[in-house]
């Protein structure tokens, strides 16, 4: 009876060892894949930041166009005033 118990215990230990080994292997593979995906995400964020315009740059461009249109508007007003007074 003790001999059968020892055999069952040995088989159980082997199965548990194999199961833990498979789970460990899968976990390692998933961890490697996750690190690769994190690196790809970081690279993508850098590319997007490099290729796109920032809000500060947009504000600077808007201010430039506003100034240009204000100057154009004032010149048009001067032309209209000159024609009305003439």
Protein backbone atom coordinates (compact mmCIF):
# COMPACT_ATOMS: atom_id res chain seq x y z
CA UNK A 1 0.00 0.00 0.00
CA UNK A 2 2.79 2.42 0.84
CA UNK A 3 4.46 1.51 -2.42
CA UNK A 4 1.37 2.53 -4.44
CA UNK A 5 1.08 5.76 -2.45
CA UNK A 6 4.72 6.57 -3.25
CA UNK A 7 4.13 5.94 -6.96
CA UNK A 8 0.98 8.11 -6.99
CA UNK A 9 2.86 10.83 -5.12
CA UNK A 10 5.74 10.65 -7.61
CA UNK A 11 3.33 10.88 -10.56
CA UNK A 12 1.50 13.77 -8.91
CA UNK A 13 4.80 15.58 -8.30
CA UNK A 14 5.85 15.01 -11.93
CA UNK A 15 2.54 16.35 -13.23
CA UNK A 16 2.74 19.40 -10.98
CA UNK A 17 6.33 20.03 -12.04
CA UNK A 18 5.38 19.77 -15.72
CA UNK A 19 2.39 22.06 -15.21
CA UNK A 20 4.44 24.67 -13.36
CA UNK A 21 7.11 24.45 -16.08
CA UNK A 22 4.56 25.03 -18.85
CA UNK A 23 2.94 27.91 -16.98
CA UNK A 24 6.37 29.45 -16.35
CA UNK A 25 7.30 29.13 -20.01
CA UNK A 26 4.04 30.75 -21.13
CA UNK A 27 4.44 33.54 -18.57
CA UNK A 28 7.98 34.24 -19.79
CA UNK A 29 6.84 34.37 -23.41
CA UNK A 30 3.97 36.72 -22.55
CA UNK A 31 6.31 38.94 -20.55
CA UNK A 32 8.72 39.15 -23.49
CA UNK A 33 5.85 40.00 -25.85
CA UNK A 34 4.60 42.66 -23.43
CA UNK A 35 8.03 44.29 -23.25
CA UNK A 36 8.23 44.32 -27.05
CA UNK A 37 4.79 45.94 -27.27
CA UNK A 38 5.76 48.55 -24.66
CA UNK A 39 8.88 49.44 -26.68
CA UNK A 40 6.81 49.69 -29.86
CA UNK A 41 4.34 51.98 -28.06
CA UNK A 42 7.15 54.23 -26.83
CA UNK A 43 8.57 54.45 -30.35
CA UNK A 44 5.14 55.25 -31.76
CA UNK A 45 4.60 58.01 -29.20
CA UNK A 46 7.96 59.53 -30.12
CA UNK A 47 7.14 59.42 -33.82
CA UNK A 48 3.73 61.00 -33.29
CA UNK A 49 5.22 63.74 -31.12
CA UNK A 50 7.92 64.38 -33.72
CA UNK A 51 5.56 64.44 -36.70
CA UNK A 52 2.69 66.49 -35.25
CA UNK A 53 2.42 70.15 -34.40
CA UNK A 54 2.20 71.21 -30.76
CA UNK A 55 -0.49 73.50 -29.38
CA UNK A 56 2.11 76.22 -28.79
CA UNK A 57 3.07 76.12 -32.46
CA UNK A 58 -0.58 76.30 -33.50
CA UNK A 59 -1.12 79.30 -31.22
CA UNK A 60 1.94 81.00 -32.70
CA UNK A 61 0.65 80.44 -36.25
CA UNK A 62 -2.85 81.65 -35.30
CA UNK A 63 -1.38 84.82 -33.77
CA UNK A 64 0.67 85.44 -36.91
CA UNK A 65 -2.40 85.07 -39.15
CA UNK A 66 -4.48 87.25 -36.83
CA UNK A 67 -1.87 90.01 -37.03
CA UNK A 68 -1.71 89.74 -40.82
CA UNK A 69 -5.49 89.85 -41.18
CA UNK A 70 -5.71 92.79 -38.77
CA UNK A 71 -3.19 94.70 -40.91
CA UNK A 72 -5.11 93.80 -44.05
CA UNK A 73 -8.36 94.85 -42.41
CA UNK A 74 -6.89 98.20 -41.39
CA UNK A 75 -5.58 98.79 -44.93
CA UNK A 76 -9.02 98.01 -46.37
CA UNK A 77 -10.58 100.41 -43.85
CA UNK A 78 -8.09 103.10 -44.90
CA UNK A 79 -8.94 102.55 -48.56
CA UNK A 80 -12.67 102.76 -47.84
CA UNK A 81 -12.20 105.90 -45.74
CA UNK A 82 -10.13 107.45 -48.53
CA UNK A 83 -12.83 106.79 -51.11
CA UNK A 84 -15.58 108.10 -48.86
CA UNK A 85 -13.65 111.30 -48.04
CA UNK A 86 -12.58 111.85 -51.64
